[in-house]
Amino acid sequence: MTSINRRAEYLALLCTLWLATPRAGAATLFTHVSPESPQDQRTRYEQDLLRLALEETRADFGEYQLALAPPMNRVRLLQQLAQNSYPNLIASHAWLSPGKRPRLGHVRFPITLGMLSYRVCFVNEDRQADLAQVRTLAALRPFRQVQGRGWQDAQVLKHAGMQVQEVDDYERLFKLVARGRADLFCRGAGEVYQEWQRRQAMPGLALDSQIALSYPNPHLFYSHEANGAALTRVQTGLERAWRKGSLQRLWRQHFQPALDLVQPQRRHVLVLDNPYLEGIDFDYQAYFHRRIGEEAASPPGDQEQKKAP
């Protein structure tokens, strides 16, 4: 389906929602991004979290409706956010310094509670034994890595001296590793469970069980700065859900299986610096899961490798 057809379907949906909603008590429309492929489950937690924040604020902000924008990669997503292309488009992204996000506002809350600060790697089966021997960043640098185009993780890895190829197609990232065109595809601890469940039968692809990468990587909700009321509502809802404990319950529901799979306490941790946190305006680590937060707060450098607590 072409992008023109997807946009036409989206506009038709908006018209249907507008006609079906009584004008006296019109619901506020929020838009969220769609998965990039049928197997892409990364947006499920974000959608559930956004819905939780909106439910927590119905009494004081009113009714709401959720619609999906067409699938898009990170580069196009930032373009659509900056252009305010869809009503109250709310999307997550790693921290963007003020100079790199013109016309965007953000919600001051790390939505994954640090799960994306702790990373484990899909590895080509032929390189699995070699990766198990790695104990320093220097030893990791010869491995060929892949990341999505426009992902901040690619820049963090490159800053640490890693070989990184950026790729547009999400599904192709796994295939490149499975076919030996790349050695590693390192993922946030909160992402890897669903990804592995759907691809563990892929020939040539393995999930490493020996090492982990760690660097502070808070992800926030962003929207166009013109959507100030929407950002305020989401901020209020997240803080309210955090105080009540409903946010933590949702987090455990989505991510406990991933923690059980990853088993951080058994891995050798390599700590990297994240030089892209300039200008962050709140204490994001105060919300981090204990183990993930401790790893993310550790000093960077080759001399800092250690076992997770």
Protein backbone atom coordinates (compact mmCIF):
# COMPACT_ATOMS: atom_id res chain seq x y z
CA MET A 1 0.00 0.00 0.00
CA THR A 2 1.41 3.40 -0.98
CA SER A 3 1.90 6.21 1.54
CA ILE A 4 -0.78 8.22 -0.34
CA ASN A 5 -3.32 5.41 0.10
CA ARG A 6 -2.40 5.01 3.78
CA ARG A 7 -2.86 8.73 4.36
CA ALA A 8 -6.20 8.69 2.53
CA GLU A 9 -7.39 5.82 4.75
CA TYR A 10 -6.21 7.70 7.82
CA LEU A 11 -8.09 10.88 6.81
CA ALA A 12 -11.21 8.79 6.18
CA LEU A 13 -10.88 7.36 9.69
CA LEU A 14 -10.61 10.85 11.14
CA CYS A 15 -13.76 11.91 9.32
CA THR A 16 -15.60 8.86 10.66
CA LEU A 17 -14.48 9.62 14.22
CA TRP A 18 -15.44 13.27 13.88
CA LEU A 19 -18.92 12.46 12.56
CA ALA A 20 -19.50 9.80 15.23
CA THR A 21 -18.58 12.07 18.13
CA PRO A 22 -21.22 14.40 19.62
CA ARG A 23 -19.98 17.96 19.33
CA ALA A 24 -21.05 18.95 22.84
CA GLY A 25 -18.67 16.48 24.45
CA ALA A 26 -16.13 15.97 21.72
CA ALA A 27 -13.33 13.58 22.60
CA THR A 28 -9.73 14.66 22.10
CA LEU A 29 -8.04 12.66 19.37
CA PHE A 30 -4.54 11.30 20.02
CA THR A 31 -2.46 9.55 17.37
CA HIS A 32 0.13 6.84 17.90
CA VAL A 33 2.51 5.16 15.44
CA SER A 34 1.83 1.75 13.96
CA PRO A 35 4.22 -1.22 14.07
CA GLU A 36 6.76 -1.29 11.24
CA SER A 37 5.91 -4.90 10.34
CA PRO A 38 3.36 -7.59 11.31
CA GLN A 39 5.94 -9.09 13.68
CA ASP A 40 6.92 -5.76 15.26
CA GLN A 41 5.63 -5.69 18.87
CA ARG A 42 7.73 -2.73 20.09
CA THR A 43 4.83 -0.28 20.15
CA ARG A 44 2.48 -2.40 22.30
CA TYR A 45 3.82 -1.15 25.63
CA GLU A 46 3.86 2.46 24.43
CA GLN A 47 0.25 2.25 23.26
CA ASP A 48 -0.84 0.66 26.54
CA LEU A 49 1.10 3.27 28.51
CA LEU A 50 -0.39 6.15 26.54
CA ARG A 51 -3.87 4.70 27.07
CA LEU A 52 -3.16 4.37 30.81
CA ALA A 53 -2.11 8.03 31.02
CA LEU A 54 -5.25 9.13 29.17
CA GLU A 55 -7.51 6.96 31.34
CA GLU A 56 -5.93 8.40 34.49
CA THR A 57 -6.87 11.91 33.32
CA ARG A 58 -10.37 11.42 31.94
CA ALA A 59 -12.04 13.06 34.94
CA ASP A 60 -10.17 16.35 34.57
CA PHE A 61 -9.23 16.41 30.85
CA GLY A 62 -12.24 14.69 29.29
CA GLU A 63 -12.82 11.84 26.87
CA TYR A 64 -10.26 10.76 24.31
CA GLN A 65 -9.91 8.62 21.20
CA LEU A 66 -6.81 6.86 19.85
CA ALA A 67 -5.95 6.48 16.17
CA LEU A 68 -2.93 4.95 14.45
CA ALA A 69 -0.65 6.78 12.06
CA PRO A 70 0.84 4.78 9.15
CA PRO A 71 3.99 2.71 9.76
CA MET A 72 7.21 4.71 9.45
CA ASN A 73 10.88 4.47 10.39
CA ARG A 74 12.57 6.75 12.94
CA VAL A 75 13.76 9.32 10.42
CA ARG A 76 10.29 9.78 8.95
CA LEU A 77 8.71 9.74 12.40
CA LEU A 78 10.76 12.75 13.49
CA GLN A 79 9.78 14.51 10.28
CA GLN A 80 6.09 13.87 10.89
CA LEU A 81 6.36 15.04 14.49
CA ALA A 82 8.10 18.26 13.41
CA GLN A 83 5.45 18.86 10.75
CA ASN A 84 2.58 18.12 13.14
CA SER A 85 1.13 15.88 10.43
CA TYR A 86 -1.38 14.01 12.61
CA PRO A 87 -3.59 15.23 15.47
CA ASN A 88 -1.73 15.05 18.79
CA LEU A 89 0.79 12.53 17.44
CA ILE A 90 2.55 11.10 20.51
CA ALA A 91 5.66 9.01 19.84
CA SER A 92 8.60 7.78 21.86
CA HIS A 93 12.22 8.52 21.10
CA ALA A 94 15.54 8.56 22.90
CA TRP A 95 16.43 11.91 24.48
CA LEU A 96 16.92 14.61 21.85
CA SER A 97 18.94 17.65 22.90
CA PRO A 98 17.03 20.93 22.38
CA GLY A 99 19.10 21.85 19.32
CA LYS A 100 18.15 18.59 17.59
CA ARG A 101 14.39 18.77 18.03
CA PRO A 102 13.07 22.06 16.67
CA ARG A 103 9.34 22.48 17.24
CA LEU A 104 9.08 19.40 19.48
CA GLY A 105 7.97 19.22 23.09
CA HIS A 106 8.46 16.28 25.43
CA VAL A 107 6.99 14.58 28.49
CA ARG A 108 9.46 14.58 31.37
CA PHE A 109 9.22 10.89 32.20
CA PRO A 110 11.39 7.89 31.07
CA ILE A 111 8.65 5.66 29.78
CA THR A 112 10.53 2.30 29.86
CA LEU A 113 12.05 2.91 33.32
CA GLY A 114 15.53 2.25 31.96
CA MET A 115 14.89 -1.04 30.16
CA LEU A 116 16.44 0.30 26.97
CA SER A 117 19.61 1.26 28.86
CA TYR A 118 20.52 -2.42 29.22
CA ARG A 119 21.18 -4.19 25.92
CA VAL A 120 21.74 -7.76 24.80
CA CYS A 121 22.66 -8.96 21.34
CA PHE A 122 21.35 -11.16 18.60
CA VAL A 123 24.43 -12.83 17.13
CA ASN A 124 25.24 -14.89 14.07
CA GLU A 125 25.63 -18.52 15.16
CA ASP A 126 29.12 -18.74 13.69
CA ARG A 127 30.25 -15.83 15.90
CA GLN A 128 28.52 -16.95 19.08
CA ALA A 129 31.57 -18.64 20.62
CA ASP A 130 33.77 -15.64 19.81
CA LEU A 131 31.32 -13.23 21.44
CA ALA A 132 31.22 -15.36 24.61
CA GLN A 133 34.93 -14.61 25.11
CA VAL A 134 34.53 -10.80 24.97
CA ARG A 135 35.37 -9.00 28.22
CA THR A 136 36.33 -5.49 27.03
CA LEU A 137 34.99 -2.88 24.67
CA ALA A 138 38.20 -3.22 22.67
CA ALA A 139 37.47 -6.89 22.09
CA LEU A 140 33.94 -6.03 20.91
CA ARG A 141 35.03 -3.50 18.29
CA PRO A 142 35.93 -6.02 15.54
CA PHE A 143 32.33 -7.32 15.49
CA ARG A 144 30.16 -5.90 12.70
CA GLN A 145 26.95 -4.47 14.15
CA VAL A 146 23.68 -3.28 12.63
CA GLN A 147 21.13 -0.77 13.92
CA GLY A 148 18.10 0.98 12.48
CA ARG A 149 18.67 4.16 10.52
CA GLY A 150 18.16 7.20 12.71
CA TRP A 151 18.35 5.24 15.99
CA GLN A 152 20.40 6.99 18.64
CA ASP A 153 21.87 3.63 19.63
CA ALA A 154 23.83 3.60 16.37
CA GLN A 155 25.47 6.90 17.30
CA VAL A 156 26.26 5.72 20.85
CA LEU A 157 27.92 2.59 19.48
CA LYS A 158 29.88 4.54 16.88
CA HIS A 159 31.03 6.95 19.60
CA ALA A 160 32.45 3.91 21.43
CA GLY A 161 34.40 2.92 18.30
CA MET A 162 32.10 0.13 17.12
CA GLN A 163 31.52 -0.84 13.49
CA VAL A 164 27.86 -0.04 12.82
CA GLN A 165 25.82 -0.26 9.62
CA GLU A 166 22.49 1.62 9.68
CA VAL A 167 19.58 -0.08 7.91
CA ASP A 168 16.11 1.22 6.98
CA ASP A 169 14.14 -2.04 7.12
CA TYR A 170 13.46 -3.35 10.65
CA GLU A 171 13.02 -6.99 9.56
CA ARG A 172 16.20 -6.85 7.48
CA LEU A 173 18.27 -6.20 10.62
CA PHE A 174 17.61 -9.73 11.87
CA LYS A 175 18.16 -11.26 8.43
CA LEU A 176 21.56 -9.59 8.01
CA VAL A 177 22.77 -11.19 11.24
CA ALA A 178 21.22 -14.58 10.48
CA ARG A 179 22.87 -14.67 7.05
CA GLY A 180 26.29 -13.63 8.34
CA ARG A 181 26.25 -10.21 6.65
CA ALA A 182 26.61 -8.74 10.15
CA ASP A 183 27.69 -10.22 13.47
CA LEU A 184 25.50 -8.45 16.04
CA PHE A 185 22.20 -6.67 16.47
CA CYS A 186 22.05 -5.37 20.06
CA ARG A 187 18.61 -4.67 21.52
CA GLY A 188 17.10 -3.16 24.63
CA ALA A 189 16.25 -5.70 27.32
CA GLY A 190 12.61 -4.77 26.98
CA GLU A 191 12.56 -5.44 23.23
CA VAL A 192 14.40 -8.71 22.93
CA TYR A 193 11.80 -11.07 24.44
CA GLN A 194 9.09 -10.54 21.81
CA GLU A 195 11.67 -10.36 19.03
CA TRP A 196 13.27 -13.66 20.04
CA GLN A 197 9.92 -15.42 20.51
CA ARG A 198 9.08 -14.69 16.89
CA ARG A 199 12.49 -15.41 15.35
CA GLN A 200 14.18 -18.16 17.36
CA ALA A 201 13.60 -20.60 14.51
CA MET A 202 15.38 -18.32 12.01
CA PRO A 203 18.41 -20.27 10.69
CA GLY A 204 21.71 -18.67 11.65
CA LEU A 205 20.28 -16.36 14.33
CA ALA A 206 21.14 -16.84 18.02
CA LEU A 207 20.60 -14.84 21.20
CA ASP A 208 23.78 -14.28 23.18
CA SER A 209 23.64 -15.21 26.88
CA GLN A 210 27.09 -14.00 28.03
CA ILE A 211 27.45 -10.22 27.73
CA ALA A 212 25.38 -7.06 27.95
CA LEU A 213 25.95 -3.44 27.00
CA SER A 214 24.89 -0.67 29.35
CA TYR A 215 24.51 3.06 28.82
CA PRO A 216 21.92 5.60 30.04
CA ASN A 217 19.19 5.72 27.41
CA PRO A 218 15.95 7.31 28.61
CA HIS A 219 13.10 7.24 26.10
CA LEU A 220 10.41 9.92 26.33
CA PHE A 221 7.11 10.73 24.66
CA TYR A 222 7.39 13.57 22.11
CA SER A 223 4.87 15.64 20.20
CA HIS A 224 4.80 18.92 18.31
CA GLU A 225 5.17 21.93 20.59
CA ALA A 226 1.76 23.16 19.44
CA ASN A 227 0.24 20.16 21.23
CA GLY A 228 1.02 21.58 24.65
CA ALA A 229 -2.32 20.55 26.16
CA ALA A 230 -1.80 16.95 25.00
CA LEU A 231 1.72 16.85 26.44
CA THR A 232 0.49 18.25 29.75
CA ARG A 233 -2.26 15.63 29.92
CA VAL A 234 0.13 12.76 29.22
CA GLN A 235 2.64 14.11 31.76
CA THR A 236 -0.09 14.38 34.40
CA GLY A 237 -1.36 10.89 33.63
CA LEU A 238 2.05 9.23 33.81
CA GLU A 239 2.94 10.90 37.10
CA ARG A 240 -0.43 9.97 38.55
CA ALA A 241 -0.11 6.34 37.40
CA TRP A 242 3.41 6.19 38.86
CA ARG A 243 2.22 7.39 42.27
CA LYS A 244 -0.66 4.90 42.28
CA GLY A 245 1.54 2.02 41.14
CA SER A 246 -0.53 1.23 38.03
CA LEU A 247 2.35 2.24 35.77
CA GLN A 248 4.74 -0.14 37.54
CA ARG A 249 2.20 -2.95 37.22
CA LEU A 250 1.88 -2.34 33.49
CA TRP A 251 5.68 -2.23 33.20
CA ARG A 252 6.05 -5.60 34.96
CA GLN A 253 3.30 -7.12 32.82
CA HIS A 254 5.19 -6.20 29.66
CA PHE A 255 8.82 -6.58 30.74
CA GLN A 256 9.12 -9.25 33.44
CA PRO A 257 9.28 -12.04 30.83
CA ALA A 258 12.14 -10.14 29.17
CA LEU A 259 14.07 -9.86 32.44
CA ASP A 260 13.56 -13.57 33.07
CA LEU A 261 14.94 -14.33 29.62
CA VAL A 262 17.87 -11.90 29.75
CA GLN A 263 18.97 -12.78 33.32
CA PRO A 264 21.13 -9.67 33.91
CA GLN A 265 22.87 -11.13 36.98
CA ARG A 266 24.54 -13.80 34.81
CA ARG A 267 26.01 -11.49 32.19
CA HIS A 268 29.31 -9.68 31.88
CA VAL A 269 28.45 -5.99 31.50
CA LEU A 270 30.32 -3.61 29.20
CA VAL A 271 29.60 0.02 30.11
CA LEU A 272 29.50 2.66 27.39
CA ASP A 273 29.24 6.42 27.52
CA ASN A 274 26.18 8.16 26.07
CA PRO A 275 27.32 11.61 24.91
CA TYR A 276 23.84 12.55 23.66
CA LEU A 277 22.16 13.48 26.95
CA GLU A 278 23.06 17.16 26.80
CA GLY A 279 20.33 19.42 28.14
CA ILE A 280 18.15 16.74 29.77
CA ASP A 281 15.97 18.64 32.22
CA PHE A 282 14.85 16.16 34.89
CA ASP A 283 16.17 13.31 37.04
CA TYR A 284 15.24 10.41 34.79
CA GLN A 285 17.24 7.86 36.81
CA ALA A 286 14.96 8.38 39.80
CA TYR A 287 12.36 6.35 37.86
CA PHE A 288 14.69 3.60 36.63
CA HIS A 289 14.27 -0.04 37.59
CA ARG A 290 16.85 -0.65 40.34
CA ARG A 291 19.25 -2.96 38.51
CA ILE A 292 18.98 -1.17 35.18
CA GLY A 293 19.43 2.21 36.87
CA GLU A 294 22.56 1.10 38.70
CA GLU A 295 24.13 -0.17 35.48
CA ALA A 296 23.22 2.96 33.55
CA ALA A 297 24.72 5.20 36.25
CA SER A 298 28.12 3.47 36.22
CA PRO A 299 31.14 5.40 34.86
CA PRO A 300 31.98 4.69 31.22
CA GLY A 301 35.21 3.35 29.79
CA ASP A 302 37.05 0.14 28.92
CA GLN A 303 38.21 -0.23 32.51
CA GLU A 304 34.66 -0.33 33.85
CA GLN A 305 33.53 -3.79 32.71
CA LYS A 306 31.92 -5.72 35.55
CA LYS A 307 29.38 -8.34 36.47
CA ALA A 308 25.83 -7.13 36.98
CA PRO A 309 24.78 -7.08 40.65
